[in-house]
Amino acid sequence: QVQLVESGGGLVQAGGSLRLSCAASGRTFSDYNMGWFRQAPGKEREFVAAFYWSGTRTLYSDSVKGRFTISRDNAKRTLYLQMNSPKPDDTAVYFCAAGGEFGGNPSAYAYWGQGTQVTVSS
């Protein structure tokens, strides 16, 4: 069992930067594949980025590639999403997920946080 708590969301201007954090507790944090997803009002949950358990692979959606960076600090048991040059289209609730198969399929992740709101103003 893993508990996930996101933080760091808020209001940011387009072109600025924001860093989301996901603090984990429970079972061995470093053993899990992890990911970030987002959901805008009226839309389905969308893949953002994934982090392979060993740290040797990352994966990004085309919409954020080159702007967002996923990383993890095993000592702090925290997953991060650095958001650079955000756009208004990035406005959504951002969720952290853990467990399951590495990749962008939300059904593959067993554990989810409660989400943190990110609003990008133009």
C-alpha atoms as a PDB file:
ATOM      1  CA  GLN A   1       0.000   0.000   0.000  1.00  0.00           C
ATOM      2  CA  VAL A   2       1.237   3.473  -0.918  1.00  0.00           C
ATOM      3  CA  GLN A   3      -0.234   6.815   0.081  1.00  0.00           C
ATOM      4  CA  LEU A   4       0.401   9.791  -2.194  1.00  0.00           C
ATOM      5  CA  VAL A   5      -0.078  13.486  -1.428  1.00  0.00           C
ATOM      6  CA  GLU A   6       0.429  16.141  -4.086  1.00  0.00           C
ATOM      7  CA  SER A   7       1.350  19.762  -3.406  1.00  0.00           C
ATOM      8  CA  GLY A   8       2.712  22.797  -5.186  1.00  0.00           C
ATOM      9  CA  GLY A   9      -0.241  23.640  -7.385  1.00  0.00           C
ATOM     10  CA  GLY A  10      -1.579  27.141  -7.775  1.00  0.00           C
ATOM     11  CA  LEU A  11      -1.889  30.027 -10.176  1.00  0.00           C
ATOM     12  CA  VAL A  12       1.005  30.676 -12.557  1.00  0.00           C
ATOM     13  CA  GLN A  13       1.415  32.967 -15.533  1.00  0.00           C
ATOM     14  CA  ALA A  14       2.019  31.515 -18.954  1.00  0.00           C
ATOM     15  CA  GLY A  15       5.747  31.292 -19.543  1.00  0.00           C
ATOM     16  CA  GLY A  16       6.553  31.062 -15.855  1.00  0.00           C
ATOM     17  CA  SER A  17       7.424  27.956 -13.881  1.00  0.00           C
ATOM     18  CA  LEU A  18       5.938  25.755 -11.194  1.00  0.00           C
ATOM     19  CA  ARG A  19       7.091  22.613  -9.425  1.00  0.00           C
ATOM     20  CA  LEU A  20       4.668  19.986  -8.233  1.00  0.00           C
ATOM     21  CA  SER A  21       5.596  17.526  -5.513  1.00  0.00           C
ATOM     22  CA  CYS A  22       4.164  14.133  -4.604  1.00  0.00           C
ATOM     23  CA  ALA A  23       5.093  12.814  -1.177  1.00  0.00           C
ATOM     24  CA  ALA A  24       4.789   9.058  -0.722  1.00  0.00           C
ATOM     25  CA  SER A  25       4.411   6.925   2.362  1.00  0.00           C
ATOM     26  CA  GLY A  26       3.908   3.236   2.867  1.00  0.00           C
ATOM     27  CA  ARG A  27       5.758   0.506   1.029  1.00  0.00           C
ATOM     28  CA  THR A  28       9.188   0.859  -0.559  1.00  0.00           C
ATOM     29  CA  PHE A  29       8.950   3.987  -2.633  1.00  0.00           C
ATOM     30  CA  SER A  30      11.854   3.284  -4.966  1.00  0.00           C
ATOM     31  CA  ASP A  31      10.341   0.009  -6.230  1.00  0.00           C
ATOM     32  CA  TYR A  32       7.446   1.669  -7.990  1.00  0.00           C
ATOM     33  CA  ASN A  33       6.971   3.054 -11.451  1.00  0.00           C
ATOM     34  CA  MET A  34       5.363   6.454 -11.032  1.00  0.00           C
ATOM     35  CA  GLY A  35       3.596   8.991 -13.151  1.00  0.00           C
ATOM     36  CA  TRP A  36       1.823  12.304 -13.429  1.00  0.00           C
ATOM     37  CA  PHE A  37      -1.592  12.661 -15.007  1.00  0.00           C
ATOM     38  CA  ARG A  38      -3.958  15.591 -15.336  1.00  0.00           C
ATOM     39  CA  GLN A  39      -7.641  16.183 -15.830  1.00  0.00           C
ATOM     40  CA  ALA A  40      -9.269  19.354 -17.066  1.00  0.00           C
ATOM     41  CA  PRO A  41     -12.988  20.071 -16.543  1.00  0.00           C
ATOM     42  CA  GLY A  42     -15.118  18.013 -18.901  1.00  0.00           C
ATOM     43  CA  LYS A  43     -12.153  16.013 -20.176  1.00  0.00           C
ATOM     44  CA  GLU A  44     -10.753  12.564 -19.507  1.00  0.00           C
ATOM     45  CA  ARG A  45      -7.699  11.991 -17.387  1.00  0.00           C
ATOM     46  CA  GLU A  46      -4.606  12.544 -19.531  1.00  0.00           C
ATOM     47  CA  PHE A  47      -1.071  11.200 -19.260  1.00  0.00           C
ATOM     48  CA  VAL A  48       1.654  13.773 -18.598  1.00  0.00           C
ATOM     49  CA  ALA A  49       4.890  11.980 -17.637  1.00  0.00           C
ATOM     50  CA  ALA A  50       6.170   8.670 -16.266  1.00  0.00           C
ATOM     51  CA  PHE A  51       9.221   7.660 -14.259  1.00  0.00           C
ATOM     52  CA  TYR A  52      10.614   4.107 -14.421  1.00  0.00           C
ATOM     53  CA  TRP A  53      11.268   2.596 -11.014  1.00  0.00           C
ATOM     54  CA  SER A  54      15.056   2.355 -11.515  1.00  0.00           C
ATOM     55  CA  GLY A  55      15.327   5.890 -12.794  1.00  0.00           C
ATOM     56  CA  THR A  56      16.690   4.760 -16.156  1.00  0.00           C
ATOM     57  CA  ARG A  57      13.698   5.802 -18.220  1.00  0.00           C
ATOM     58  CA  THR A  58      11.244   8.660 -18.440  1.00  0.00           C
ATOM     59  CA  LEU A  59       8.337   9.199 -20.785  1.00  0.00           C
ATOM     60  CA  TYR A  60       6.439  12.350 -21.702  1.00  0.00           C
ATOM     61  CA  SER A  61       3.313  13.185 -23.591  1.00  0.00           C
ATOM     62  CA  ASP A  62       3.915  15.138 -26.780  1.00  0.00           C
ATOM     63  CA  SER A  63       2.054  18.110 -25.333  1.00  0.00           C
ATOM     64  CA  VAL A  64       4.567  18.642 -22.506  1.00  0.00           C
ATOM     65  CA  LYS A  65       7.782  17.219 -23.955  1.00  0.00           C
ATOM     66  CA  GLY A  66      10.589  19.746 -23.722  1.00  0.00           C
ATOM     67  CA  ARG A  67       8.742  21.879 -21.167  1.00  0.00           C
ATOM     68  CA  PHE A  68       8.069  19.566 -18.211  1.00  0.00           C
ATOM     69  CA  THR A  69      10.529  17.354 -16.348  1.00  0.00           C
ATOM     70  CA  ILE A  70       9.697  14.426 -14.082  1.00  0.00           C
ATOM     71  CA  SER A  71      12.160  13.444 -11.385  1.00  0.00           C
ATOM     72  CA  ARG A  72      12.280  11.568  -8.112  1.00  0.00           C
ATOM     73  CA  ASP A  73      14.213  11.849  -4.850  1.00  0.00           C
ATOM     74  CA  ASN A  74      14.182   8.433  -3.185  1.00  0.00           C
ATOM     75  CA  ALA A  75      15.702   9.755   0.051  1.00  0.00           C
ATOM     76  CA  LYS A  76      12.836  12.242   0.382  1.00  0.00           C
ATOM     77  CA  ARG A  77      10.290   9.769  -0.989  1.00  0.00           C
ATOM     78  CA  THR A  78       9.063  12.470  -3.327  1.00  0.00           C
ATOM     79  CA  LEU A  79       8.196  12.621  -7.014  1.00  0.00           C
ATOM     80  CA  TYR A  80       8.419  15.981  -8.781  1.00  0.00           C
ATOM     81  CA  LEU A  81       7.067  17.584 -11.906  1.00  0.00           C
ATOM     82  CA  GLN A  82       8.932  20.714 -12.974  1.00  0.00           C
ATOM     83  CA  MET A  83       6.666  22.745 -15.231  1.00  0.00           C
ATOM     84  CA  ASN A  84       8.501  25.308 -17.345  1.00  0.00           C
ATOM     85  CA  SER A  85       6.840  27.605 -19.850  1.00  0.00           C
ATOM     86  CA  PRO A  86       3.342  26.445 -18.948  1.00  0.00           C
ATOM     87  CA  LYS A  87       0.472  27.343 -21.245  1.00  0.00           C
ATOM     88  CA  PRO A  88      -3.198  28.007 -20.470  1.00  0.00           C
ATOM     89  CA  ASP A  89      -3.965  24.568 -21.987  1.00  0.00           C
ATOM     90  CA  ASP A  90      -1.965  23.030 -19.125  1.00  0.00           C
ATOM     91  CA  THR A  91      -4.656  24.137 -16.668  1.00  0.00           C
ATOM     92  CA  ALA A  92      -5.975  21.032 -14.902  1.00  0.00           C
ATOM     93  CA  VAL A  93      -5.960  19.042 -11.704  1.00  0.00           C
ATOM     94  CA  TYR A  94      -2.661  17.159 -11.603  1.00  0.00           C
ATOM     95  CA  PHE A  95      -2.520  13.692 -10.082  1.00  0.00           C
ATOM     96  CA  CYS A  96       0.404  11.606  -8.952  1.00  0.00           C
ATOM     97  CA  ALA A  97       0.200   7.823  -9.459  1.00  0.00           C
ATOM     98  CA  ALA A  98       2.289   4.815  -8.493  1.00  0.00           C
ATOM     99  CA  GLY A  99       2.516   1.096  -9.124  1.00  0.00           C
ATOM    100  CA  GLY A 100       1.830  -1.052 -12.139  1.00  0.00           C
ATOM    101  CA  GLU A 101       3.233  -1.011 -15.622  1.00  0.00           C
ATOM    102  CA  PHE A 102       5.482   1.828 -16.737  1.00  0.00           C
ATOM    103  CA  GLY A 103       3.814   4.075 -19.264  1.00  0.00           C
ATOM    104  CA  GLY A 104       0.901   6.360 -19.968  1.00  0.00           C
ATOM    105  CA  ASN A 105      -2.076   4.101 -19.289  1.00  0.00           C
ATOM    106  CA  PRO A 106      -3.862   5.338 -16.145  1.00  0.00           C
ATOM    107  CA  SER A 107      -5.469   1.925 -15.642  1.00  0.00           C
ATOM    108  CA  ALA A 108      -2.008   0.476 -15.069  1.00  0.00           C
ATOM    109  CA  TYR A 109      -1.452   2.495 -11.896  1.00  0.00           C
ATOM    110  CA  ALA A 110      -2.690   1.139  -8.595  1.00  0.00           C
ATOM    111  CA  TYR A 111      -2.299   4.124  -6.287  1.00  0.00           C
ATOM    112  CA  TRP A 112      -3.394   7.725  -6.741  1.00  0.00           C
ATOM    113  CA  GLY A 113      -3.142  10.992  -4.877  1.00  0.00           C
ATOM    114  CA  GLN A 114      -6.005  13.403  -4.397  1.00  0.00           C
ATOM    115  CA  GLY A 115      -4.728  15.904  -6.971  1.00  0.00           C
ATOM    116  CA  THR A 116      -3.548  19.507  -6.953  1.00  0.00           C
ATOM    117  CA  GLN A 117      -5.031  22.303  -9.062  1.00  0.00           C
ATOM    118  CA  VAL A 118      -2.814  24.123 -11.547  1.00  0.00           C
ATOM    119  CA  THR A 119      -4.179  27.202 -13.273  1.00  0.00           C
ATOM    120  CA  VAL A 120      -2.164  28.916 -15.985  1.00  0.00           C
ATOM    121  CA  SER A 121      -3.189  32.464 -16.828  1.00  0.00           C
ATOM    122  CA  SER A 122      -2.531  34.045 -20.207  1.00  0.00           C
END
